[in-house]
Amino acid sequence: MAAFLYATRALKAPAFAFPWLQLASDKRLMPRLLSAPGHRGWGAYLQLLLAQLRFLEPFLRNAELTDAVRCCCWVEAPAE
C-alpha cells in the first residue's frame, strides 16, 4: 500500500492530493506501517510524509507560521 501511495503522490497526481492524504493517514495504515517488526515501515512512512511536505512547500512558503510549526518543519524564521 505504501508503494502505491508513493506512486500516486500529489506531485504526480495533484487532483488526488486530499484523498491521498486521507489514505496515508488512515487509522489502519499508519499504525500498521509504524508497528512493523524491526521498524521496517518507518522508512516507507517517512517517504510518504516527505512527499506530501514537498507538495505543500510552495503553498506554505509565504505562510505565517508559529514558532512551534517552524521548529517542527525546520523552517527558517523570516528576516526582520
N, C-alpha and C. Protein backbone atom coordinates (compact mmCIF):
# COMPACT_ATOMS: atom_id res chain seq x y z
N MET A 1 0.83 -1.20 0.00
CA MET A 1 0.00 0.00 0.00
C MET A 1 0.87 1.25 0.00
N ALA A 2 1.96 1.25 0.76
CA ALA A 2 2.84 2.42 0.81
C ALA A 2 3.45 2.68 -0.57
N ALA A 3 3.80 1.63 -1.29
CA ALA A 3 4.36 1.80 -2.64
C ALA A 3 3.34 2.42 -3.58
N PHE A 4 2.08 1.99 -3.48
CA PHE A 4 1.02 2.59 -4.30
C PHE A 4 0.84 4.06 -3.96
N LEU A 5 0.81 4.38 -2.68
CA LEU A 5 0.64 5.77 -2.27
C LEU A 5 1.80 6.63 -2.74
N TYR A 6 3.00 6.10 -2.68
CA TYR A 6 4.14 6.87 -3.16
C TYR A 6 4.06 7.09 -4.67
N ALA A 7 3.61 6.09 -5.39
CA ALA A 7 3.49 6.21 -6.85
C ALA A 7 2.41 7.22 -7.25
N THR A 8 1.42 7.41 -6.40
CA THR A 8 0.33 8.34 -6.71
C THR A 8 0.39 9.60 -5.86
N ARG A 9 1.58 9.95 -5.38
CA ARG A 9 1.74 11.13 -4.53
C ARG A 9 1.28 12.39 -5.26
N ALA A 10 1.05 13.43 -4.50
CA ALA A 10 0.46 14.67 -5.02
C ALA A 10 1.29 15.31 -6.13
N LEU A 11 2.61 15.20 -6.09
CA LEU A 11 3.42 15.77 -7.16
C LEU A 11 3.16 15.07 -8.49
N LYS A 12 2.76 13.81 -8.45
CA LYS A 12 2.47 13.05 -9.67
C LYS A 12 1.00 13.14 -10.05
N ALA A 13 0.11 13.26 -9.07
CA ALA A 13 -1.33 13.31 -9.30
C ALA A 13 -1.96 14.36 -8.40
N PRO A 14 -1.81 15.66 -8.73
CA PRO A 14 -2.29 16.72 -7.84
C PRO A 14 -3.78 16.67 -7.52
N ALA A 15 -4.59 16.18 -8.43
CA ALA A 15 -6.03 16.10 -8.16
C ALA A 15 -6.36 15.08 -7.08
N PHE A 16 -5.43 14.20 -6.81
CA PHE A 16 -5.61 13.14 -5.82
C PHE A 16 -5.01 13.53 -4.46
N ALA A 17 -4.58 14.78 -4.30
CA ALA A 17 -3.84 15.20 -3.10
C ALA A 17 -4.62 14.99 -1.80
N PHE A 18 -5.87 15.42 -1.73
CA PHE A 18 -6.60 15.30 -0.48
C PHE A 18 -7.03 13.86 -0.19
N PRO A 19 -7.56 13.12 -1.17
CA PRO A 19 -7.83 11.71 -0.88
C PRO A 19 -6.54 10.94 -0.52
N TRP A 20 -5.44 11.31 -1.14
CA TRP A 20 -4.15 10.68 -0.85
C TRP A 20 -3.79 10.89 0.61
N LEU A 21 -3.95 12.11 1.09
CA LEU A 21 -3.63 12.42 2.48
C LEU A 21 -4.52 11.62 3.43
N GLN A 22 -5.78 11.47 3.08
CA GLN A 22 -6.68 10.67 3.92
C GLN A 22 -6.22 9.21 3.97
N LEU A 23 -5.82 8.67 2.84
CA LEU A 23 -5.36 7.29 2.81
C LEU A 23 -4.05 7.12 3.59
N ALA A 24 -3.12 8.05 3.39
CA ALA A 24 -1.81 7.94 4.04
C ALA A 24 -1.91 8.07 5.56
N SER A 25 -2.89 8.79 6.03
CA SER A 25 -3.03 8.98 7.48
C SER A 25 -4.13 8.10 8.07
N ASP A 26 -4.64 7.17 7.30
CA ASP A 26 -5.72 6.30 7.76
C ASP A 26 -5.33 5.55 9.03
N LYS A 27 -6.28 5.40 9.92
CA LYS A 27 -6.01 4.76 11.22
C LYS A 27 -5.64 3.30 11.10
N ARG A 28 -5.86 2.71 9.93
CA ARG A 28 -5.47 1.31 9.73
C ARG A 28 -4.11 1.19 9.07
N LEU A 29 -3.72 2.16 8.26
CA LEU A 29 -2.44 2.07 7.55
C LEU A 29 -1.27 2.55 8.40
N MET A 30 -1.39 3.76 8.94
CA MET A 30 -0.26 4.34 9.66
C MET A 30 0.22 3.46 10.82
N PRO A 31 -0.65 2.99 11.70
CA PRO A 31 -0.17 2.13 12.78
C PRO A 31 0.46 0.84 12.27
N ARG A 32 -0.10 0.30 11.20
CA ARG A 32 0.45 -0.95 10.65
C ARG A 32 1.87 -0.73 10.14
N LEU A 33 2.09 0.39 9.46
CA LEU A 33 3.44 0.68 8.97
C LEU A 33 4.41 0.95 10.12
N LEU A 34 3.96 1.75 11.07
CA LEU A 34 4.85 2.16 12.15
C LEU A 34 5.11 1.07 13.18
N SER A 35 4.27 0.03 13.20
CA SER A 35 4.49 -1.05 14.16
C SER A 35 5.05 -2.31 13.51
N ALA A 36 5.51 -2.20 12.28
CA ALA A 36 6.10 -3.36 11.60
C ALA A 36 7.35 -3.81 12.34
N PRO A 37 7.60 -5.11 12.38
CA PRO A 37 8.79 -5.62 13.08
C PRO A 37 10.08 -4.99 12.54
N GLY A 38 10.95 -4.65 13.46
CA GLY A 38 12.23 -4.06 13.08
C GLY A 38 12.13 -2.66 12.50
N HIS A 39 11.03 -1.99 12.76
CA HIS A 39 10.80 -0.62 12.25
C HIS A 39 10.88 -0.57 10.72
N ARG A 40 10.53 -1.66 10.04
CA ARG A 40 10.61 -1.69 8.58
C ARG A 40 9.69 -0.68 7.91
N GLY A 41 8.55 -0.38 8.52
CA GLY A 41 7.59 0.54 7.91
C GLY A 41 7.92 2.00 8.09
N TRP A 42 8.84 2.32 8.98
CA TRP A 42 9.15 3.72 9.25
C TRP A 42 9.71 4.43 8.03
N GLY A 43 10.59 3.78 7.30
CA GLY A 43 11.16 4.38 6.10
C GLY A 43 10.11 4.68 5.06
N ALA A 44 9.18 3.74 4.87
CA ALA A 44 8.11 3.94 3.90
C ALA A 44 7.21 5.09 4.32
N TYR A 45 6.89 5.16 5.62
CA TYR A 45 6.02 6.24 6.08
C TYR A 45 6.73 7.59 6.00
N LEU A 46 8.01 7.60 6.31
CA LEU A 46 8.78 8.83 6.18
C LEU A 46 8.78 9.31 4.73
N GLN A 47 8.94 8.39 3.80
CA GLN A 47 8.92 8.73 2.38
C GLN A 47 7.57 9.35 1.99
N LEU A 48 6.48 8.80 2.50
CA LEU A 48 5.16 9.35 2.21
C LEU A 48 4.99 10.74 2.82
N LEU A 49 5.42 10.91 4.05
CA LEU A 49 5.32 12.19 4.72
C LEU A 49 6.14 13.26 4.00
N LEU A 50 7.35 12.93 3.61
CA LEU A 50 8.19 13.88 2.89
C LEU A 50 7.60 14.22 1.52
N ALA A 51 6.99 13.25 0.86
CA ALA A 51 6.35 13.52 -0.43
C ALA A 51 5.24 14.54 -0.27
N GLN A 52 4.46 14.41 0.78
CA GLN A 52 3.37 15.37 1.00
C GLN A 52 3.91 16.75 1.35
N LEU A 53 4.95 16.81 2.17
CA LEU A 53 5.54 18.10 2.52
C LEU A 53 6.17 18.79 1.30
N ARG A 54 6.77 18.01 0.40
CA ARG A 54 7.32 18.59 -0.83
C ARG A 54 6.22 19.18 -1.69
N PHE A 55 5.07 18.53 -1.71
CA PHE A 55 3.94 19.05 -2.47
C PHE A 55 3.41 20.35 -1.85
N LEU A 56 3.35 20.38 -0.54
CA LEU A 56 2.79 21.55 0.16
C LEU A 56 3.76 22.72 0.25
N GLU A 57 5.04 22.49 0.07
CA GLU A 57 6.06 23.52 0.27
C GLU A 57 5.77 24.82 -0.49
N PRO A 58 5.43 24.81 -1.76
CA PRO A 58 5.16 26.08 -2.44
C PRO A 58 3.99 26.84 -1.83
N PHE A 59 3.01 26.13 -1.31
CA PHE A 59 1.85 26.78 -0.72
C PHE A 59 2.15 27.35 0.65
N LEU A 60 3.12 26.75 1.34
CA LEU A 60 3.46 27.18 2.70
C LEU A 60 4.64 28.15 2.74
N ARG A 61 5.28 28.35 1.60
CA ARG A 61 6.50 29.17 1.56
C ARG A 61 6.28 30.55 2.17
N ASN A 62 5.19 31.20 1.85
CA ASN A 62 4.95 32.56 2.34
C ASN A 62 3.92 32.61 3.47
N ALA A 63 3.59 31.47 4.03
CA ALA A 63 2.60 31.43 5.10
C ALA A 63 3.22 31.93 6.40
N GLU A 64 2.37 32.51 7.23
CA GLU A 64 2.82 32.94 8.55
C GLU A 64 2.71 31.75 9.48
N LEU A 65 3.85 31.24 9.94
CA LEU A 65 3.89 30.06 10.78
C LEU A 65 4.26 30.43 12.21
N THR A 66 3.70 29.71 13.15
CA THR A 66 4.07 29.93 14.55
C THR A 66 5.47 29.34 14.78
N ASP A 67 6.09 29.73 15.87
CA ASP A 67 7.42 29.20 16.19
C ASP A 67 7.39 27.68 16.33
N ALA A 68 6.32 27.14 16.90
CA ALA A 68 6.22 25.69 17.09
C ALA A 68 6.19 24.97 15.75
N VAL A 69 5.41 25.46 14.80
CA VAL A 69 5.34 24.84 13.48
C VAL A 69 6.67 25.00 12.76
N ARG A 70 7.26 26.17 12.86
CA ARG A 70 8.54 26.42 12.21
C ARG A 70 9.61 25.47 12.75
N CYS A 71 9.58 25.23 14.04
CA CYS A 71 10.54 24.32 14.67
C CYS A 71 10.35 22.89 14.18
N CYS A 72 9.11 22.46 14.09
CA CYS A 72 8.81 21.09 13.65
C CYS A 72 9.16 20.87 12.19
N CYS A 73 9.03 21.89 11.38
CA CYS A 73 9.24 21.75 9.94
C CYS A 73 10.62 22.24 9.50
N TRP A 74 11.46 22.61 10.40
CA TRP A 74 12.81 23.09 10.10
C TRP A 74 12.77 24.26 9.13
N VAL A 75 11.84 25.17 9.35
CA VAL A 75 11.71 26.35 8.51
C VAL A 75 12.46 27.48 9.17
N GLU A 76 13.24 28.20 8.40
CA GLU A 76 13.96 29.34 8.96
C GLU A 76 13.00 30.47 9.25
N ALA A 77 13.29 31.20 10.31
CA ALA A 77 12.47 32.36 10.66
C ALA A 77 12.65 33.44 9.59
N PRO A 78 11.56 34.17 9.29
CA PRO A 78 11.69 35.24 8.30
C PRO A 78 12.63 36.34 8.80
N ALA A 79 13.35 36.93 7.87
CA ALA A 79 14.25 38.02 8.23
C ALA A 79 13.44 39.24 8.61
N GLU A 80 13.86 39.91 9.66
CA GLU A 80 13.12 41.10 10.11
C GLU A 80 13.87 42.35 9.77
